[in-house]
Amino acid sequence: MPVIADIPSGCFVMGSPETELGRGDNEILHRVCIQAFKLAKHEVSVAEFKQFITATHYVTDAERNREEQGCWSYQQNAEKHWDWWQWANWKAPVGRALQTNEPVTCVSFDDVTAYIDWLNKVTGQHYRLPTEAEWEYAARAGTATARYWGNNPNIACAYANVADESKSVFGKWMQAHHCEDGHFFSVAVTALHANKFGLHNMLGNAWEWTCSRYDEKYSGAETRCITKKLGFEDMIVIRGGGWNADPDRVRAGHRNWSTVWSRQANLGFRLVREY
């Protein structure tokens, strides 16, 4: 079961100021108040997801080649490094051996929903994904800087697994943080320094699904979970940046989105447990 942190109630300014380096036009500043909630200290791991697969024999969207082959992943020796690779799935998201304490990735929003349904049944608890507003509030952990360790992207490597200057047989990143975290792909879900709420890897390591519909203008969808059945092209917010993210994307205010069926080798999730 997830190890949970208690996130206190509070209000914060969501988004980012126009002076913040790397800011996107969709990061509109606005005040949001959050009720106390419980959030997993780390992303769901490969080992945790494997328990679900073993118990249910569920077949993920990547394994079923839903809409696209396999999973959107990275292959160094290919002319096009990033592509839909049929060999890529939650068991083998990238071209190296995977550790069971790393975040599970290559899981679609629908795969995540199936996992949560199973977890709720076997635990008798009520887990869900965080809303976009809950996610940013938890990532900031009381800070108003671009990142929970401050504004300097080049000290990221103590706090986040990101595109950095580490040497690797898998290549190098064109836009990197000027530090070395020693990893090219993902790291253990409990690695690196936690933020002030005790949360690991809220930035970097793996993007994280939320339960909110993407709304460019921030008109309230960020504070709610989607309740209706989702369509093929509905956009869901993903947050946090992944192991290949440059400084612009490794910021608490940075926003991204994906369709419900899509999956990436750098996209996972963490859970809220309701009271």
Protein backbone atom coordinates (compact mmCIF):
# COMPACT_ATOMS: atom_id res chain seq x y z
CA MET A 1 0.00 0.00 0.00
CA PRO A 2 1.19 3.56 -0.66
CA VAL A 3 3.14 5.36 2.07
CA ILE A 4 1.07 8.46 2.74
CA ALA A 5 1.91 12.05 3.67
CA ASP A 6 -0.61 14.38 5.29
CA ILE A 7 -0.92 17.52 3.17
CA PRO A 8 -2.34 20.42 5.22
CA SER A 9 -5.12 22.76 4.15
CA GLY A 10 -4.07 26.07 2.69
CA CYS A 11 -4.35 28.63 -0.06
CA PHE A 12 -1.68 29.33 -2.66
CA VAL A 13 -1.09 31.18 -5.90
CA MET A 14 -1.24 28.63 -8.69
CA GLY A 15 0.60 29.29 -11.94
CA SER A 16 3.74 31.33 -12.45
CA PRO A 17 4.69 35.01 -12.75
CA GLU A 18 5.49 36.47 -16.16
CA THR A 19 9.10 36.98 -15.05
CA GLU A 20 9.70 33.25 -14.45
CA LEU A 21 12.16 31.74 -16.94
CA GLY A 22 10.53 29.05 -19.09
CA ARG A 23 6.99 30.16 -18.28
CA GLY A 24 4.17 29.08 -20.59
CA ASP A 25 1.18 31.25 -21.51
CA ASN A 26 -1.17 28.72 -19.88
CA GLU A 27 0.36 29.20 -16.40
CA ILE A 28 -2.06 31.96 -15.42
CA LEU A 29 -1.66 33.20 -11.85
CA HIS A 30 -4.74 32.65 -9.67
CA ARG A 31 -5.45 31.91 -6.01
CA VAL A 32 -6.66 28.43 -5.07
CA CYS A 33 -7.57 27.05 -1.65
CA ILE A 34 -7.00 23.36 -0.93
CA GLN A 35 -8.58 21.19 1.74
CA ALA A 36 -6.27 18.86 3.65
CA PHE A 37 -5.65 15.57 1.85
CA LYS A 38 -3.40 12.52 1.93
CA LEU A 39 -0.90 11.99 -0.90
CA ALA A 40 1.53 9.16 -1.54
CA LYS A 41 5.12 10.10 -0.72
CA HIS A 42 6.30 8.54 -3.95
CA GLU A 43 5.17 7.40 -7.37
CA VAL A 44 3.61 3.96 -7.73
CA SER A 45 6.49 1.54 -8.28
CA VAL A 46 6.94 -1.32 -10.72
CA ALA A 47 6.65 -3.77 -7.80
CA GLU A 48 3.33 -2.27 -6.67
CA PHE A 49 1.91 -2.35 -10.18
CA LYS A 50 3.09 -5.92 -10.67
CA GLN A 51 0.94 -7.02 -7.71
CA PHE A 52 -2.09 -5.73 -9.60
CA ILE A 53 -1.08 -7.53 -12.82
CA THR A 54 -0.44 -10.80 -10.97
CA ALA A 55 -3.81 -10.65 -9.19
CA THR A 56 -5.94 -9.63 -12.17
CA HIS A 57 -3.99 -10.68 -15.31
CA TYR A 58 -4.73 -7.23 -16.66
CA VAL A 59 -3.21 -6.39 -20.06
CA THR A 60 -2.12 -2.79 -20.45
CA ASP A 61 -2.84 -0.57 -23.44
CA ALA A 62 0.83 -0.72 -24.47
CA GLU A 63 0.74 -4.53 -24.52
CA ARG A 64 -2.50 -4.46 -26.51
CA ASN A 65 -1.09 -1.91 -28.98
CA ARG A 66 -4.12 0.28 -28.44
CA GLU A 67 -4.20 3.05 -31.07
CA GLU A 68 -0.38 2.91 -31.40
CA GLN A 69 2.22 0.19 -31.09
CA GLY A 70 3.67 -0.36 -27.63
CA CYS A 71 4.70 2.78 -25.78
CA TRP A 72 6.25 6.14 -26.69
CA SER A 73 9.84 5.55 -25.63
CA TYR A 74 13.51 6.28 -26.23
CA GLN A 75 15.90 4.13 -28.26
CA GLN A 76 19.43 5.44 -28.62
CA ASN A 77 20.54 3.38 -31.63
CA ALA A 78 17.56 4.40 -33.78
CA GLU A 79 17.58 7.25 -36.29
CA LYS A 80 14.54 8.68 -34.51
CA HIS A 81 15.22 8.29 -30.77
CA TRP A 82 11.66 8.93 -29.56
CA ASP A 83 8.90 6.91 -31.20
CA TRP A 84 6.20 4.30 -30.60
CA TRP A 85 8.22 1.14 -29.96
CA GLN A 86 6.34 -2.16 -29.88
CA TRP A 87 8.78 -3.68 -27.37
CA ALA A 88 8.13 -0.93 -24.82
CA ASN A 89 5.63 -1.51 -21.99
CA TRP A 90 5.49 -1.30 -18.18
CA LYS A 91 7.82 -4.31 -17.87
CA ALA A 92 10.42 -2.87 -20.25
CA PRO A 93 9.79 0.83 -20.87
CA VAL A 94 13.35 1.64 -21.99
CA GLY A 95 16.40 -0.16 -23.29
CA ARG A 96 17.89 -1.32 -20.00
CA ALA A 97 17.07 -3.61 -17.08
CA LEU A 98 14.40 -2.15 -14.83
CA GLN A 99 14.49 -2.13 -11.02
CA THR A 100 11.27 -2.93 -9.16
CA ASN A 101 11.61 0.19 -6.98
CA GLU A 102 11.51 2.52 -9.98
CA PRO A 103 8.25 4.22 -11.02
CA VAL A 104 5.93 2.21 -13.22
CA THR A 105 5.57 3.94 -16.59
CA CYS A 106 4.10 3.20 -20.03
CA VAL A 107 0.67 3.19 -18.35
CA SER A 108 -2.29 5.00 -19.87
CA PHE A 109 -4.96 6.90 -17.92
CA ASP A 110 -7.25 3.91 -18.46
CA ASP A 111 -4.57 1.52 -17.12
CA VAL A 112 -4.22 3.72 -14.05
CA THR A 113 -7.98 3.75 -13.53
CA ALA A 114 -8.03 -0.06 -13.63
CA TYR A 115 -5.22 -0.20 -11.05
CA ILE A 116 -7.06 2.19 -8.73
CA ASP A 117 -10.30 0.21 -9.01
CA TRP A 118 -8.42 -2.95 -8.00
CA LEU A 119 -6.55 -1.24 -5.16
CA ASN A 120 -9.77 0.16 -3.70
CA LYS A 121 -11.37 -3.28 -3.73
CA VAL A 122 -8.49 -5.10 -2.05
CA THR A 123 -7.78 -2.43 0.57
CA GLY A 124 -11.27 -1.14 1.33
CA GLN A 125 -9.83 2.38 0.99
CA HIS A 126 -10.67 5.07 -1.53
CA TYR A 127 -7.67 6.01 -3.66
CA ARG A 128 -7.72 8.35 -6.64
CA LEU A 129 -5.41 10.57 -8.66
CA PRO A 130 -4.79 14.12 -7.41
CA THR A 131 -6.45 17.08 -9.08
CA GLU A 132 -4.13 19.41 -10.95
CA ALA A 133 -4.48 22.01 -8.18
CA GLU A 134 -3.75 19.45 -5.45
CA TRP A 135 -0.71 18.29 -7.38
CA GLU A 136 0.80 21.77 -7.75
CA TYR A 137 0.00 22.70 -4.14
CA ALA A 138 1.74 19.53 -2.93
CA ALA A 139 4.70 20.02 -5.28
CA ARG A 140 5.27 23.58 -4.09
CA ALA A 141 5.02 22.55 -0.42
CA GLY A 142 4.60 26.13 0.74
CA THR A 143 7.11 27.66 -1.67
CA ALA A 144 6.46 30.28 -4.35
CA THR A 145 9.67 29.72 -6.32
CA ALA A 146 9.87 27.97 -9.67
CA ARG A 147 10.95 24.74 -7.98
CA TYR A 148 10.54 23.54 -4.43
CA TRP A 149 14.29 23.92 -3.82
CA GLY A 150 14.37 27.48 -5.26
CA ASN A 151 14.74 29.14 -8.66
CA ASN A 152 18.13 27.75 -9.66
CA PRO A 153 17.70 24.83 -12.09
CA ASN A 154 21.35 23.88 -11.85
CA ILE A 155 21.11 22.48 -8.32
CA ALA A 156 18.25 20.21 -9.43
CA CYS A 157 20.30 17.01 -9.32
CA ALA A 158 20.06 16.72 -5.53
CA TYR A 159 16.27 16.93 -5.69
CA ALA A 160 15.11 15.65 -9.09
CA ASN A 161 16.10 13.12 -11.73
CA VAL A 162 16.21 15.26 -14.88
CA ALA A 163 17.98 15.84 -18.17
CA ASP A 164 21.48 16.53 -16.89
CA GLU A 165 25.14 16.33 -17.89
CA SER A 166 25.77 12.77 -16.68
CA LYS A 167 27.76 10.70 -19.15
CA SER A 168 25.90 7.63 -20.43
CA VAL A 169 26.12 4.95 -23.11
CA PHE A 170 22.57 5.99 -23.98
CA GLY A 171 23.66 9.41 -25.23
CA LYS A 172 23.35 12.94 -23.88
CA TRP A 173 20.63 15.57 -23.61
CA MET A 174 20.81 18.64 -25.84
CA GLN A 175 19.07 20.86 -23.26
CA ALA A 176 20.28 19.87 -19.83
CA HIS A 177 20.57 21.10 -16.28
CA HIS A 178 24.19 22.01 -15.51
CA CYS A 179 24.65 19.30 -12.89
CA GLU A 180 24.97 15.51 -12.75
CA ASP A 181 22.51 13.16 -11.05
CA GLY A 182 24.28 10.03 -12.29
CA HIS A 183 21.27 8.62 -14.15
CA PHE A 184 19.93 8.71 -17.69
CA PHE A 185 16.57 7.01 -17.15
CA SER A 186 14.48 6.71 -13.96
CA VAL A 187 15.64 6.24 -10.38
CA ALA A 188 14.04 4.64 -7.31
CA VAL A 189 10.80 6.30 -6.25
CA THR A 190 12.31 7.25 -2.87
CA ALA A 191 15.58 8.57 -4.28
CA LEU A 192 16.77 12.16 -3.91
CA HIS A 193 15.67 14.81 -1.39
CA ALA A 194 11.98 15.12 -0.61
CA ASN A 195 10.22 18.48 -0.50
CA LYS A 196 8.95 20.06 2.72
CA PHE A 197 5.83 17.87 2.66
CA GLY A 198 7.99 14.73 2.55
CA LEU A 199 7.21 14.00 -1.11
CA HIS A 200 9.86 12.48 -3.38
CA ASN A 201 10.25 13.20 -7.09
CA MET A 202 7.37 15.62 -7.47
CA LEU A 203 9.58 17.11 -10.16
CA GLY A 204 11.56 14.90 -12.51
CA ASN A 205 11.81 11.09 -12.68
CA ALA A 206 8.34 10.54 -14.17
CA TRP A 207 5.54 12.77 -15.33
CA GLU A 208 2.43 12.08 -13.25
CA TRP A 209 -1.20 11.70 -14.30
CA THR A 210 -3.76 13.88 -12.54
CA CYS A 211 -7.54 13.42 -12.58
CA SER A 212 -8.27 16.87 -14.09
CA ARG A 213 -9.24 17.78 -17.61
CA TYR A 214 -6.77 20.13 -19.28
CA ASP A 215 -8.14 23.67 -19.43
CA GLU A 216 -5.76 26.18 -20.98
CA LYS A 217 -7.35 29.19 -19.27
CA TYR A 218 -7.72 27.79 -15.75
CA SER A 219 -11.47 28.21 -15.40
CA GLY A 220 -11.96 25.69 -12.59
CA ALA A 221 -11.26 22.27 -14.11
CA GLU A 222 -7.94 22.22 -12.25
CA THR A 223 -9.75 21.84 -8.91
CA ARG A 224 -11.93 18.88 -9.96
CA CYS A 225 -11.62 15.28 -11.04
CA ILE A 226 -13.32 14.35 -14.28
CA THR A 227 -16.50 12.43 -13.54
CA LYS A 228 -17.95 11.65 -16.98
CA LYS A 229 -16.74 8.97 -19.37
CA LEU A 230 -13.85 10.28 -21.38
CA GLY A 231 -13.68 10.44 -25.14
CA PHE A 232 -10.86 9.44 -27.46
CA GLU A 233 -9.34 12.91 -27.70
CA ASP A 234 -10.12 14.25 -24.20
CA MET A 235 -7.01 15.81 -22.70
CA ILE A 236 -5.93 14.98 -19.15
CA VAL A 237 -3.35 17.05 -17.26
CA ILE A 238 0.03 15.47 -16.56
CA ARG A 239 2.57 17.21 -14.33
CA GLY A 240 6.11 17.19 -13.00
CA GLY A 241 8.48 16.54 -15.87
CA GLY A 242 10.40 13.30 -16.40
CA TRP A 243 13.95 12.00 -16.48
CA ASN A 244 14.51 13.70 -19.84
CA ALA A 245 12.99 17.07 -18.90
CA ASP A 246 14.92 20.31 -19.40
CA PRO A 247 14.81 23.26 -16.95
CA ASP A 248 11.75 24.85 -18.57
CA ARG A 249 9.69 21.73 -17.87
CA VAL A 250 11.06 21.06 -14.39
CA ARG A 251 9.06 23.77 -12.68
CA ALA A 252 6.10 23.51 -10.29
CA GLY A 253 3.94 25.64 -12.60
CA HIS A 254 4.70 23.83 -15.85
CA ARG A 255 1.67 22.16 -17.47
CA ASN A 256 1.36 19.28 -19.91
CA TRP A 257 -1.44 17.02 -21.08
CA SER A 258 -2.18 13.70 -22.77
CA THR A 259 -5.05 11.64 -24.15
CA VAL A 260 -6.53 8.85 -22.01
CA TRP A 261 -5.07 6.06 -24.18
CA SER A 262 -1.57 7.49 -24.57
CA ARG A 263 1.42 6.19 -22.60
CA GLN A 264 5.06 7.18 -22.30
CA ALA A 265 8.21 5.61 -20.90
CA ASN A 266 8.56 8.68 -18.65
CA LEU A 267 4.92 8.93 -17.46
CA GLY A 268 3.65 7.33 -14.24
CA PHE A 269 1.40 8.31 -11.32
CA ARG A 270 0.99 8.74 -7.55
CA LEU A 271 -2.19 8.45 -5.51
CA VAL A 272 -4.39 10.41 -3.14
CA ARG A 273 -6.07 8.47 -0.32
CA GLU A 274 -9.30 10.10 0.72
CA TYR A 275 -10.26 10.43 4.37
